[in-house]
Amino acid sequence: QVQLVESGGGLVQVGGSLRLSCHFSGGTFSNYGMAWFRQASGKKREFVAYISWHGERTEYRGSVKGRFFISKDSAKNTLHLQMNNLTPEDTAVYYCNAGEDPTYYSGSYSREPFDSWGQGTQVTVSS
């Protein structure tokens, strides 16, 4: 059973940076598509970023493109999200998400959640 443990959240000022990490266990890391979602207080959970099983394809929601960067460290079974130039609108609980990647079978990623979730890590951006 896949387990995901996030870390790296915290309080940061506008314009600052944070790096989120998600440690993966219970499966073959290199076979899984992985993503970050976030949920602000009172709002629905939303897609943030995705990286394919082989790490060669990434996708981002429009509001974070050029500021956030998703990556996989296969040596450490860890997913990262580098977040730069943060704004108050980025304040949310960030969740790591992993599962069977449809692109592994020549399909396409739909930005719908995979099956496995981490517990979430809070990111707060103060103005």
Foldseek 3Di string as FASTA:
>chain_A
DKAKAKDWADEAAAQAKIKMKIAIDDDQQLQKKKFKWWDAPPGDIAGAKIAHSNRPDMDGPPVQPPFWDWGADNVRNMIMIIGGRDDQVPWTWMKMAMAGGVVVVPDDDDRDTHDDIYPTDTHGYHD
